[in-house]
Amino acid sequence: MGEERRLTYKQRRFCEEYIVDGNASQAGLRAGYSSGGIAQTAHNLLRLTDVVDYIDELKAKQQERTQITADKVLGELYKMAFSDIRELFSETETGGTTLKSPLDLDEATAKAVQSIEVVTANVGTKDEPEIEYTHKIKMVDKKSSAELLGKYLKLFSDRLSVEVPEGVNFNMSFGADKKDQE
């Protein structure tokens, strides 16, 4: 890292803007490229070895600064995707269950709780006041977490990926081509 790259000022700005949100067209605009044909310009920039290398260098520095790693993100997704609501409760001496204090939750379960709302209601009488507590617990969206993990592990795909050895002629068509329909 730290190797001098042969990039123009705009190309450097593009790289710096690209790591903000991963949107190449927006990065190009923010770096000062013309809006006309920005998608093609951004695409061309991302094909330049020096640009890709500089983006990788910037991402590595950002990761080092923030201490956010793929392992940490995957670990958090794992905790959310495989959380178990039963961990929120403990058994009472009478055989029932009671909600644990948030301070008594294990780390994984605590991270899977999005919110806890306590609603109180007076259910007693004037002579014998009694307050009833209702706890509304909202857990994180397990499905979204599981989907993100599945995408990372490439368990789902909308695309067919085929590797063809060099020198092999491969021609495959699925249905009518748009050009054939015109």
Foldseek 3Di string as FASTA:
>chain_A
DPDDFPDDQLLLQLLVQCVVPVDQLVSSVVSPHDNVVSVVVSVVSCVDPRSVVSSVVVVVVVCVVVVDDPVVVLVLLVLQLPPDPPQQWDADPVGHIDGDDLVPGDPSNNSQWPDKDWDWDFPDDPVDTDIDIDIDTDGPDNVVSVVVNCVVVVVDDPDDDDDDDPPDDDDDDDPDDPVNVD
